[in-house]
Protein backbone atom coordinates (compact mmCIF):
# COMPACT_ATOMS: atom_id res chain seq x y z
CA UNK A 1 47.42 -9.74 -51.25
CA UNK A 2 49.08 -6.72 -52.57
CA UNK A 3 51.57 -5.25 -50.30
CA UNK A 4 52.19 -1.45 -49.85
CA UNK A 5 55.65 -1.69 -50.72
CA UNK A 6 55.15 -3.31 -54.05
CA UNK A 7 52.58 -0.69 -54.98
CA UNK A 8 54.92 1.98 -53.86
CA UNK A 9 57.66 0.58 -56.16
CA UNK A 10 55.33 0.45 -59.11
CA UNK A 11 54.02 3.95 -58.71
CA UNK A 12 57.60 5.27 -58.53
CA UNK A 13 58.77 3.21 -61.68
CA UNK A 14 55.55 4.62 -63.71
CA UNK A 15 56.19 7.98 -62.59
CA UNK A 16 59.79 8.11 -63.52
CA UNK A 17 58.99 6.34 -66.85
CA UNK A 18 56.70 9.03 -67.75
CA UNK A 19 58.40 12.08 -66.89
CA UNK A 20 62.16 11.49 -66.05
CA UNK A 21 63.24 12.83 -69.28
CA UNK A 22 61.62 16.31 -68.72
CA UNK A 23 60.55 17.02 -65.23
CA UNK A 24 60.14 20.52 -64.11
CA UNK A 25 62.62 22.12 -61.72
CA UNK A 26 62.30 21.35 -58.00
CA UNK A 27 62.17 25.08 -57.66
CA UNK A 28 59.43 25.62 -59.82
CA UNK A 29 56.29 24.63 -58.27
CA UNK A 30 53.76 25.70 -60.92
CA UNK A 31 53.35 22.21 -62.41
CA UNK A 32 53.11 20.48 -59.00
CA UNK A 33 50.53 20.95 -56.30
CA UNK A 34 47.00 21.96 -56.78
CA UNK A 35 43.65 19.97 -57.23
CA UNK A 36 42.92 17.29 -59.94
CA UNK A 37 39.28 16.92 -60.26
CA UNK A 38 38.05 13.37 -61.47
CA UNK A 39 34.74 12.89 -62.83
CA UNK A 40 34.04 9.27 -62.79
CA UNK A 41 31.07 6.71 -62.30
CA UNK A 42 30.43 5.29 -58.88
CA UNK A 43 32.86 3.48 -56.88
CA UNK A 44 30.41 0.94 -55.73
CA UNK A 45 31.59 -0.68 -58.84
CA UNK A 46 34.83 -2.53 -57.57
CA UNK A 47 36.81 -1.75 -60.83
CA UNK A 48 36.13 1.88 -60.42
CA UNK A 49 36.88 1.82 -56.77
CA UNK A 50 40.45 0.39 -57.76
CA UNK A 51 40.93 2.92 -60.38
CA UNK A 52 40.25 5.72 -57.53
CA UNK A 53 42.58 4.08 -55.12
CA UNK A 54 45.46 4.12 -57.58
CA UNK A 55 44.58 7.64 -58.64
CA UNK A 56 44.36 8.91 -55.21
CA UNK A 57 47.69 7.19 -54.09
CA UNK A 58 49.61 8.44 -57.14
CA UNK A 59 48.17 11.87 -56.75
CA UNK A 60 49.29 12.01 -53.32
CA UNK A 61 52.85 10.76 -54.20
CA UNK A 62 53.21 13.32 -56.62
CA UNK A 63 51.93 16.32 -54.37
CA UNK A 64 48.44 16.75 -55.88
CA UNK A 65 45.08 16.84 -54.14
CA UNK A 66 42.53 14.44 -55.93
CA UNK A 67 38.88 15.51 -55.76
CA UNK A 68 36.61 12.65 -57.03
CA UNK A 69 33.17 13.39 -58.23
CA UNK A 70 30.99 10.17 -58.69
CA UNK A 71 27.81 9.56 -60.59
CA UNK A 72 25.41 6.63 -60.77
CA UNK A 73 26.20 5.80 -64.45
CA UNK A 74 24.06 8.78 -65.33
CA UNK A 75 25.27 11.32 -67.80
CA UNK A 76 22.70 13.85 -66.92
CA UNK A 77 23.90 13.63 -63.27
CA UNK A 78 27.68 13.94 -64.36
CA UNK A 79 26.68 16.94 -66.64
CA UNK A 80 25.28 18.68 -63.57
CA UNK A 81 28.31 17.91 -61.51
CA UNK A 82 30.46 19.58 -64.24
CA UNK A 83 28.14 22.65 -64.24
CA UNK A 84 28.49 22.94 -60.40
CA UNK A 85 32.12 22.39 -60.33
CA UNK A 86 32.72 25.14 -63.11
CA UNK A 87 30.48 27.55 -61.35
CA UNK A 88 32.15 27.09 -58.05
CA UNK A 89 35.43 28.11 -59.23
CA UNK A 90 36.98 28.45 -55.79
CA UNK A 91 39.83 25.63 -55.85
CA UNK A 92 43.20 25.58 -57.34
CA UNK A 93 42.22 23.32 -60.00
CA UNK A 94 45.19 22.30 -62.21
CA UNK A 95 43.69 19.43 -64.30
CA UNK A 96 40.64 17.44 -65.02
CA UNK A 97 40.30 13.60 -65.33
CA UNK A 98 37.33 12.85 -67.53
CA UNK A 99 35.51 9.41 -67.46
CA UNK A 100 32.12 9.68 -69.10
CA UNK A 101 29.17 7.52 -68.22
CA UNK A 102 27.92 8.24 -71.82
CA UNK A 103 30.76 9.00 -74.04
CA UNK A 104 28.64 10.56 -76.84
CA UNK A 105 26.12 12.33 -74.59
CA UNK A 106 28.95 13.59 -72.40
CA UNK A 107 30.69 15.63 -75.12
CA UNK A 108 29.06 18.90 -74.33
CA UNK A 109 30.39 18.76 -70.76
CA UNK A 110 33.80 17.61 -71.99
CA UNK A 111 33.77 20.58 -74.27
CA UNK A 112 32.82 22.86 -71.16
CA UNK A 113 35.90 21.59 -69.06
CA UNK A 114 38.15 22.06 -72.07
CA UNK A 115 37.10 25.71 -72.71
CA UNK A 116 38.24 26.64 -69.26
CA UNK A 117 41.83 26.29 -70.38
CA UNK A 118 42.70 23.62 -67.71
CA UNK A 119 44.11 20.50 -69.09
CA UNK A 120 41.77 17.55 -69.55
CA UNK A 121 42.58 13.94 -69.81
CA UNK A 122 40.24 11.29 -70.83
CA UNK A 123 40.42 7.83 -69.14
CA UNK A 124 39.02 4.33 -69.45
CA UNK A 125 37.15 5.16 -72.70
CA UNK A 126 38.81 6.70 -75.87
CA UNK A 127 37.42 10.20 -76.67
CA UNK A 128 34.13 10.09 -78.67
CA UNK A 129 35.09 10.71 -82.48
CA UNK A 130 35.26 14.40 -82.99
CA UNK A 131 35.83 15.28 -79.37
CA UNK A 132 39.67 14.44 -79.51
CA UNK A 133 40.65 18.24 -79.62
CA UNK A 134 38.93 18.74 -76.07
CA UNK A 135 41.61 16.66 -74.20
CA UNK A 136 45.29 16.68 -74.09
CA UNK A 137 45.58 12.93 -74.24
CA UNK A 138 44.19 9.60 -73.08
CA UNK A 139 45.42 7.16 -70.36
CA UNK A 140 43.75 3.66 -69.66
CA UNK A 141 42.50 0.73 -71.27
CA UNK A 142 42.43 0.08 -75.02
CA UNK A 143 38.92 -1.61 -75.32
CA UNK A 144 39.37 -2.39 -78.97
CA UNK A 145 42.30 -4.37 -78.18
CA UNK A 146 40.44 -5.90 -75.22
CA UNK A 147 37.84 -6.85 -77.62
CA UNK A 148 40.23 -8.36 -80.07
CA UNK A 149 41.93 -10.51 -77.24
CA UNK A 150 38.62 -11.68 -76.12
CA UNK A 151 37.45 -12.72 -79.44
CA UNK A 152 40.74 -14.64 -80.15
CA UNK A 153 40.18 -16.49 -76.95
CA UNK A 154 36.70 -17.43 -77.99
CA UNK A 155 37.98 -18.83 -81.30
CA UNK A 156 40.68 -20.66 -79.35
CA UNK A 157 38.10 -22.04 -76.91
CA UNK A 158 35.87 -23.20 -79.90
CA UNK A 159 39.15 -24.86 -81.46
CA UNK A 160 39.71 -26.72 -78.07
CA UNK A 161 36.19 -27.99 -78.05
CA UNK A 162 36.57 -29.35 -81.56
CA UNK A 163 39.96 -30.95 -80.82
CA UNK A 164 38.53 -32.78 -77.89
CA UNK A 165 35.57 -34.31 -79.88
CA UNK A 166 32.72 -31.83 -78.92
CA UNK A 167 30.01 -31.54 -81.63
CA UNK A 168 29.30 -27.79 -82.36
CA UNK A 169 26.04 -26.30 -83.35
CA UNK A 170 26.26 -24.91 -86.96
CA UNK A 171 29.46 -25.33 -88.88
CA UNK A 172 31.57 -23.03 -86.68
CA UNK A 173 29.74 -22.99 -83.35
CA UNK A 174 27.04 -20.57 -81.73
CA UNK A 175 27.77 -17.85 -79.42
CA UNK A 176 26.09 -15.40 -77.29
CA UNK A 177 27.47 -11.96 -75.90
CA UNK A 178 26.68 -10.57 -72.54
CA UNK A 179 27.90 -6.96 -72.49
CA UNK A 180 28.03 -3.72 -70.55
CA UNK A 181 25.24 -1.23 -70.20
CA UNK A 182 23.77 0.24 -73.34
CA UNK A 183 25.61 3.25 -74.69
CA UNK A 184 28.69 2.67 -72.61
CA UNK A 185 31.68 3.16 -74.91
CA UNK A 186 33.83 0.32 -73.40
CA UNK A 187 31.19 -2.17 -74.21
CA UNK A 188 30.68 -0.69 -77.70
CA UNK A 189 34.35 -0.77 -78.43
CA UNK A 190 34.83 -4.35 -77.06
CA UNK A 191 31.94 -5.78 -79.23
CA UNK A 192 32.83 -3.71 -82.18
CA UNK A 193 36.47 -5.27 -82.14
CA UNK A 194 35.34 -8.75 -81.23
CA UNK A 195 32.27 -9.53 -83.43
CA UNK A 196 34.23 -9.31 -86.79
CA UNK A 197 36.75 -11.68 -85.53
CA UNK A 198 33.97 -14.20 -84.47
CA UNK A 199 32.43 -13.92 -87.81
CA UNK A 200 35.59 -14.44 -89.81
CA UNK A 201 36.32 -17.45 -87.76
CA UNK A 202 32.76 -18.83 -88.64
CA UNK A 203 31.36 -18.33 -85.22
CA UNK A 204 27.58 -17.25 -85.45
CA UNK A 205 26.63 -14.75 -82.85
CA UNK A 206 22.99 -15.60 -82.00
CA UNK A 207 22.44 -12.78 -79.61
CA UNK A 208 23.73 -9.93 -77.40
CA UNK A 209 22.26 -8.27 -74.39
CA UNK A 210 23.55 -4.90 -72.71
CA UNK A 211 22.86 -5.65 -69.25
CA UNK A 212 25.69 -4.09 -66.74
CA UNK A 213 28.93 -5.02 -64.90
CA UNK A 214 28.31 -7.65 -62.30
CA UNK A 215 27.31 -11.28 -61.52
CA UNK A 216 23.57 -10.42 -61.26
CA UNK A 217 23.37 -8.61 -64.45
CA UNK A 218 25.52 -11.42 -65.97
CA UNK A 219 22.98 -14.01 -64.77
CA UNK A 220 20.02 -12.08 -65.98
CA UNK A 221 21.38 -11.67 -69.40
CA UNK A 222 22.22 -15.04 -69.80
CA UNK A 223 18.93 -16.37 -68.62
CA UNK A 224 17.46 -14.16 -71.35
CA UNK A 225 19.65 -15.51 -74.16
CA UNK A 226 19.44 -18.95 -73.14
CA UNK A 227 15.52 -18.88 -73.33
CA UNK A 228 15.76 -17.26 -76.74
CA UNK A 229 18.21 -19.40 -78.40
CA UNK A 230 18.33 -22.88 -76.58
CA UNK A 231 16.88 -24.51 -79.49
CA UNK A 232 19.54 -23.29 -81.88
CA UNK A 233 22.36 -24.68 -79.48
CA UNK A 234 24.93 -22.48 -77.46
CA UNK A 235 28.53 -23.40 -77.63
CA UNK A 236 30.23 -20.30 -76.47
CA UNK A 237 29.69 -17.20 -74.38
CA UNK A 238 31.63 -13.90 -74.45
CA UNK A 239 31.04 -11.78 -71.38
CA UNK A 240 32.64 -8.23 -71.28
CA UNK A 241 34.15 -8.87 -68.10
CA UNK A 242 34.64 -12.01 -65.71
CA UNK A 243 32.30 -10.63 -63.12
CA UNK A 244 29.71 -10.70 -65.72
CA UNK A 245 30.92 -14.24 -66.52
CA UNK A 246 30.44 -15.43 -62.98
CA UNK A 247 26.78 -14.86 -63.29
CA UNK A 248 26.64 -16.27 -66.77
CA UNK A 249 28.18 -19.50 -65.31
CA UNK A 250 25.68 -19.78 -62.55
CA UNK A 251 22.91 -19.29 -65.20
CA UNK A 252 24.41 -21.85 -67.46
CA UNK A 253 24.74 -24.51 -64.65
CA UNK A 254 21.20 -23.97 -63.59
CA UNK A 255 19.94 -24.61 -67.21
CA UNK A 256 21.76 -27.90 -67.32
CA UNK A 257 24.84 -26.86 -69.18
CA UNK A 258 28.26 -27.65 -68.07
CA UNK A 259 30.58 -24.74 -68.57
CA UNK A 260 34.13 -25.86 -69.26
CA UNK A 261 32.67 -28.99 -71.26
CA UNK A 262 29.67 -28.44 -73.60
CA UNK A 263 30.06 -24.71 -73.46
CA UNK A 264 32.95 -22.35 -73.13
CA UNK A 265 32.88 -19.03 -71.45
CA UNK A 266 35.42 -16.14 -71.91
CA UNK A 267 35.32 -13.02 -69.76
CA UNK A 268 36.85 -9.98 -71.42
CA UNK A 269 38.80 -8.82 -68.58
CA UNK A 270 39.42 -10.17 -64.92
CA UNK A 271 37.30 -8.63 -62.32
CA UNK A 272 36.84 -9.91 -58.78
CA UNK A 273 37.76 -13.48 -57.66
CA UNK A 274 39.48 -16.12 -59.68
CA UNK A 275 37.37 -19.06 -58.76
CA UNK A 276 36.02 -19.77 -62.25
CA UNK A 277 39.14 -19.40 -63.96
CA UNK A 278 40.97 -21.81 -61.63
CA UNK A 279 38.35 -24.38 -61.92
CA UNK A 280 37.99 -24.35 -65.60
CA UNK A 281 34.41 -23.09 -66.00
CA UNK A 282 35.80 -19.86 -67.40
CA UNK A 283 38.12 -20.68 -70.22
CA UNK A 284 40.16 -17.50 -70.17
CA UNK A 285 40.07 -13.87 -69.47
CA UNK A 286 42.29 -10.68 -70.15
CA UNK A 287 44.37 -9.02 -67.39
CA UNK A 288 43.19 -5.50 -67.09
CA UNK A 289 44.64 -3.71 -64.12
CA UNK A 290 42.27 -1.16 -62.71
CA UNK A 291 44.48 0.23 -60.31
CA UNK A 292 47.15 0.71 -62.96
CA UNK A 293 44.54 2.66 -64.99
CA UNK A 294 44.41 5.23 -62.28
CA UNK A 295 48.12 5.57 -61.97
CA UNK A 296 48.50 6.02 -65.56
CA UNK A 297 45.99 8.86 -65.55
CA UNK A 298 47.59 10.82 -62.85
CA UNK A 299 51.11 10.14 -64.23
CA UNK A 300 49.96 11.30 -67.69
CA UNK A 301 48.55 14.65 -66.24
CA UNK A 302 51.70 15.22 -64.17
CA UNK A 303 53.72 14.69 -67.42
CA UNK A 304 51.69 17.30 -69.22
CA UNK A 305 51.73 19.77 -66.11
CA UNK A 306 55.47 19.34 -65.87
CA UNK A 307 56.25 19.75 -69.40
CA UNK A 308 53.50 21.25 -71.49
CA UNK A 309 53.18 18.31 -73.76
CA UNK A 310 53.05 14.59 -73.74
CA UNK A 311 55.33 11.96 -75.40
CA UNK A 312 52.63 9.62 -76.22
CA UNK A 313 48.98 10.80 -76.67
CA UNK A 314 47.46 7.53 -76.07
CA UNK A 315 48.89 5.87 -72.96
CA UNK A 316 47.44 2.42 -72.64
CA UNK A 317 47.53 -0.13 -70.00
CA UNK A 318 48.68 -3.61 -71.07
CA UNK A 319 46.10 -6.29 -71.47
CA UNK A 320 47.45 -10.01 -71.70
CA UNK A 321 45.40 -13.10 -72.09
CA UNK A 322 45.16 -15.28 -69.08
CA UNK A 323 44.08 -18.90 -69.79
CA UNK A 324 42.61 -21.30 -67.13
CA UNK A 325 45.29 -23.80 -65.95
CA UNK A 326 42.55 -26.34 -66.78
CA UNK A 327 43.50 -25.91 -70.36
CA UNK A 328 47.18 -25.10 -70.46
CA UNK A 329 50.40 -26.93 -69.42
CA UNK A 330 51.75 -23.69 -67.61
CA UNK A 331 49.72 -22.13 -64.95
CA UNK A 332 49.12 -18.68 -66.61
CA UNK A 333 47.48 -17.41 -63.35
CA UNK A 334 50.99 -17.72 -61.71
CA UNK A 335 53.27 -16.94 -64.65
CA UNK A 336 51.53 -13.90 -66.36
CA UNK A 337 52.57 -10.65 -64.95
CA UNK A 338 52.18 -6.87 -65.67
CA UNK A 339 54.99 -4.67 -64.34
CA UNK A 340 56.02 -7.42 -61.99
CA UNK A 341 52.51 -7.76 -60.56
CA UNK A 342 50.75 -11.18 -60.69
CA UNK A 343 47.21 -11.91 -61.93
CA UNK A 344 46.16 -12.54 -58.32
CA UNK A 345 47.65 -8.90 -57.39
CA UNK A 346 45.67 -7.07 -60.17
CA UNK A 347 42.59 -9.10 -60.59
CA UNK A 348 41.13 -9.85 -57.21
CA UNK A 349 39.59 -6.80 -55.52
């Protein structure tokens, strides 16, 4: 379990790393205090809840109030929230954090926030092309990197099967992809980066569905693609996160497959428990730390508020690969760390 002391130490290190060289004078409180308003999807999603916890704790540490406005992955709802917030105008708002539910459809609201003159940072999804001028920078995951890491793990899993005498379908293996909801930029970026790598490795993607974020959606999506492609043969599954992969593994087992043997499953990022990674039914995942993303977002805003600029426009959190100990000589669940925190610290929530 995470300890409060470990998180406090981490927050302090990250804050100093971003602002130590150019902090405002302690006597000048113009850059500190006030309210940061974060527009984010619902915290019923456990990843987003972790982001919010990290952001809340870091905002308090730096002397800000953080106001979180959630939507049900509904851009129209988020647009209404922006209009209402701008219409109220009664708070000491010093910055906005923008996490769109639909990156393209949300550009008009992002522009409206930018036109207030209050600094806006985008988080979790890179700005939609053409909207970069509406934000002072970005802090969060690099989903293109995530997609590349995941695709390389899928290729590695395919090669592991071949090395252990498994007969593939087709010359390079057949794969299916279980993705986030349609239109969600993180899923677009992950698949956009991953699919060309799979193609170059000779892996044929039979089908892709955009279903959601959790085990039930992963289960439903896998059932759909298994029914459509069983006769062609399925060797590999790429799920955009390990929560989806959990449902995928259940569906595969119900349909007579043996994940970790005749089919390999890769989750794009850890999300939830580690059971399937531990037992080998999930070949690998990426370590994407939700809480660190919230911390990075607040720290990046604080740097801008303190100095009037950002040293780096895109502040990406790390995304190292983590393989199941069933396939490695070293237990990467125990050895892979980010900022001194383990896989269990950052992935189990």
